[in-house]
């Protein structure tokens, strides 16, 4: 934010993917530390609260710039190993829920990269990065927000 150019007119906040990867790395010890379903749910809640504590201050710093702002959920990726993709598909909604809540609370538009915009296989260049096709879809959602969203009245709206 310190290097935000004076010419900036809108901000799009897309953060959390590296947090998701960090949680994915921590899953190896997850099986040993969790011994019940309720323990697993509590651990997922801890992950969510940890992300909420990190995300809130970042969002507030972005909003202090006073520019029209949109949020993006974290995309689910395209992991070849089914077990890893299953874990990602379970953890990311826990993280993305924090982002969705923030969009609703702040009245901001949201690009849902996680579940609807980027399709596994077709829209990824590797397990965690969009392909050119995925990038075009993301750019299209950004353009749609520029053209259609009315930033003067706080209203959360999901773009896909």
Protein backbone atom coordinates (compact mmCIF):
# COMPACT_ATOMS: atom_id res chain seq x y z
CA UNK A 1 0.00 0.00 0.00
CA UNK A 2 2.97 2.31 0.55
CA UNK A 3 3.75 2.02 -3.17
CA UNK A 4 0.17 2.55 -4.36
CA UNK A 5 0.40 4.88 -7.36
CA UNK A 6 -1.53 8.16 -7.23
CA UNK A 7 -3.20 7.12 -10.49
CA UNK A 8 -4.93 4.11 -8.86
CA UNK A 9 -8.71 4.31 -9.22
CA UNK A 10 -9.86 0.95 -7.80
CA UNK A 11 -8.40 -1.79 -5.60
CA UNK A 12 -8.90 -5.54 -5.85
CA UNK A 13 -7.77 -7.49 -2.80
CA UNK A 14 -6.76 -11.05 -3.60
CA UNK A 15 -4.89 -12.58 -0.67
CA UNK A 16 -4.99 -15.84 1.25
CA UNK A 17 -3.63 -18.40 -1.20
CA UNK A 18 -0.31 -18.66 0.60
CA UNK A 19 -2.19 -19.01 3.88
CA UNK A 20 -4.09 -21.91 2.35
CA UNK A 21 -0.83 -23.54 1.29
CA UNK A 22 0.57 -23.03 4.78
CA UNK A 23 -2.47 -24.77 6.28
CA UNK A 24 -2.12 -27.54 3.71
CA UNK A 25 1.48 -28.07 4.83
CA UNK A 26 0.27 -28.28 8.44
CA UNK A 27 -2.22 -31.04 7.60
CA UNK A 28 0.45 -33.73 7.88
CA UNK A 29 0.42 -33.28 11.66
CA UNK A 30 -3.35 -32.79 11.66
CA UNK A 31 -4.09 -36.54 11.62
CA UNK A 32 -1.96 -37.09 14.71
CA UNK A 33 -3.32 -34.19 16.75
CA UNK A 34 -7.02 -34.71 15.95
CA UNK A 35 -8.62 -37.83 17.33
CA UNK A 36 -12.32 -37.15 16.80
CA UNK A 37 -14.66 -35.46 14.37
CA UNK A 38 -15.34 -32.67 16.87
CA UNK A 39 -11.57 -32.24 17.25
CA UNK A 40 -11.26 -31.87 13.48
CA UNK A 41 -14.04 -29.28 13.43
CA UNK A 42 -12.36 -27.35 16.24
CA UNK A 43 -9.08 -27.41 14.30
CA UNK A 44 -10.82 -26.07 11.18
CA UNK A 45 -12.31 -23.32 13.36
CA UNK A 46 -8.80 -22.46 14.63
CA UNK A 47 -7.61 -22.19 11.03
CA UNK A 48 -10.52 -19.87 10.27
CA UNK A 49 -9.85 -17.66 13.29
CA UNK A 50 -6.14 -17.52 12.48
CA UNK A 51 -6.96 -16.37 8.95
CA UNK A 52 -9.55 -13.87 10.24
CA UNK A 53 -6.92 -12.30 12.51
CA UNK A 54 -4.56 -11.93 9.53
CA UNK A 55 -7.14 -10.82 6.96
CA UNK A 56 -8.92 -8.12 8.97
CA UNK A 57 -5.97 -5.75 9.37
CA UNK A 58 -4.98 -6.18 5.70
CA UNK A 59 -8.49 -5.31 4.56
CA UNK A 60 -8.65 -2.30 6.86
CA UNK A 61 -5.36 -0.99 5.48
CA UNK A 62 -6.68 -1.35 1.93
CA UNK A 63 -9.95 0.38 2.82
CA UNK A 64 -8.07 3.31 4.37
CA UNK A 65 -6.92 4.22 0.85
CA UNK A 66 -10.50 5.38 0.24
CA UNK A 67 -10.72 3.86 -3.24
CA UNK A 68 -13.50 1.66 -4.59
CA UNK A 69 -12.49 -1.83 -3.49
CA UNK A 70 -13.46 -5.37 -4.46
CA UNK A 71 -12.49 -8.61 -2.75
CA UNK A 72 -11.57 -11.99 -4.22
CA UNK A 73 -11.92 -15.40 -2.65
CA UNK A 74 -9.02 -17.86 -2.85
CA UNK A 75 -9.23 -20.24 -5.80
CA UNK A 76 -9.33 -23.98 -5.15
CA UNK A 77 -6.43 -24.97 -7.33
CA UNK A 78 -5.97 -28.05 -9.45
CA UNK A 79 -3.98 -30.65 -7.53
CA UNK A 80 -3.37 -33.96 -9.28
CA UNK A 81 -3.48 -35.95 -6.04
CA UNK A 82 -7.14 -36.48 -5.16
CA UNK A 83 -6.42 -36.59 -1.42
CA UNK A 84 -4.71 -33.18 -1.53
CA UNK A 85 -7.51 -31.66 -3.63
CA UNK A 86 -10.08 -33.01 -1.16
CA UNK A 87 -8.25 -31.32 1.71
CA UNK A 88 -7.95 -28.07 -0.25
CA UNK A 89 -11.64 -28.17 -1.17
CA UNK A 90 -12.46 -28.56 2.54
CA UNK A 91 -10.09 -25.96 3.99
CA UNK A 92 -10.63 -23.17 1.45
CA UNK A 93 -14.33 -22.65 2.19
CA UNK A 94 -13.30 -22.10 5.81
CA UNK A 95 -10.90 -19.38 4.65
CA UNK A 96 -13.19 -18.00 1.95
CA UNK A 97 -16.03 -17.64 4.45
CA UNK A 98 -13.95 -14.97 6.21
CA UNK A 99 -13.58 -13.09 2.92
CA UNK A 100 -17.29 -13.42 2.09
CA UNK A 101 -18.25 -12.17 5.57
CA UNK A 102 -15.96 -9.16 5.09
CA UNK A 103 -17.52 -8.36 1.70
CA UNK A 104 -21.01 -8.46 3.19
CA UNK A 105 -20.03 -6.46 6.29
CA UNK A 106 -18.24 -3.76 4.26
CA UNK A 107 -20.70 -3.74 1.34
CA UNK A 108 -18.05 -4.68 -1.24
CA UNK A 109 -18.25 -6.58 -4.52
CA UNK A 110 -16.68 -10.03 -4.47
CA UNK A 111 -15.14 -12.17 -7.21
CA UNK A 112 -15.68 -15.82 -6.31
CA UNK A 113 -12.50 -17.40 -7.62
CA UNK A 114 -12.85 -20.34 -5.25
CA UNK A 115 -15.87 -22.29 -6.36
CA UNK A 116 -17.34 -20.86 -9.50
CA UNK A 117 -15.02 -18.83 -11.70
CA UNK A 118 -11.97 -21.05 -12.21
CA UNK A 119 -12.66 -24.64 -13.24
CA UNK A 120 -10.23 -27.42 -12.26
CA UNK A 121 -8.17 -28.66 -15.17
CA UNK A 122 -9.29 -26.07 -17.68
CA UNK A 123 -8.38 -22.85 -15.90
CA UNK A 124 -5.10 -23.72 -14.18
CA UNK A 125 -1.53 -23.70 -15.49
CA UNK A 126 -0.32 -25.69 -12.47
CA UNK A 127 -1.79 -26.73 -9.11
CA UNK A 128 -2.05 -23.19 -7.76
CA UNK A 129 -1.89 -20.65 -10.60
CA UNK A 130 -4.52 -19.79 -13.19
CA UNK A 131 -3.79 -20.50 -16.85
CA UNK A 132 -4.21 -17.91 -19.59
CA UNK A 133 -7.85 -19.05 -19.87
CA UNK A 134 -8.32 -18.66 -16.11
CA UNK A 135 -6.64 -15.26 -16.23
CA UNK A 136 -9.03 -14.16 -18.98
CA UNK A 137 -11.99 -15.21 -16.85
CA UNK A 138 -10.62 -13.28 -13.86
CA UNK A 139 -9.98 -10.22 -16.04
CA UNK A 140 -13.55 -10.49 -17.34
CA UNK A 141 -14.92 -10.46 -13.78
CA UNK A 142 -12.75 -7.43 -12.95
CA UNK A 143 -14.04 -5.63 -16.06
CA UNK A 144 -17.63 -6.50 -15.15
CA UNK A 145 -17.17 -4.91 -11.72
CA UNK A 146 -15.73 -1.76 -13.35
CA UNK A 147 -18.69 -1.54 -15.73
CA UNK A 148 -21.57 -2.62 -13.52
CA UNK A 149 -20.92 -2.23 -9.82
CA UNK A 150 -22.26 0.92 -8.17
CA UNK A 151 -19.57 1.71 -5.60
CA UNK A 152 -21.38 4.80 -4.31
CA UNK A 153 -23.84 2.64 -2.37
CA UNK A 154 -22.30 -0.09 -0.21
CA UNK A 155 -23.70 -3.35 -1.52
CA UNK A 156 -22.11 -6.76 -1.47
CA UNK A 157 -22.50 -8.53 -4.76
CA UNK A 158 -20.85 -11.70 -6.06
CA UNK A 159 -19.31 -11.72 -9.53
CA UNK A 160 -18.42 -14.94 -11.35
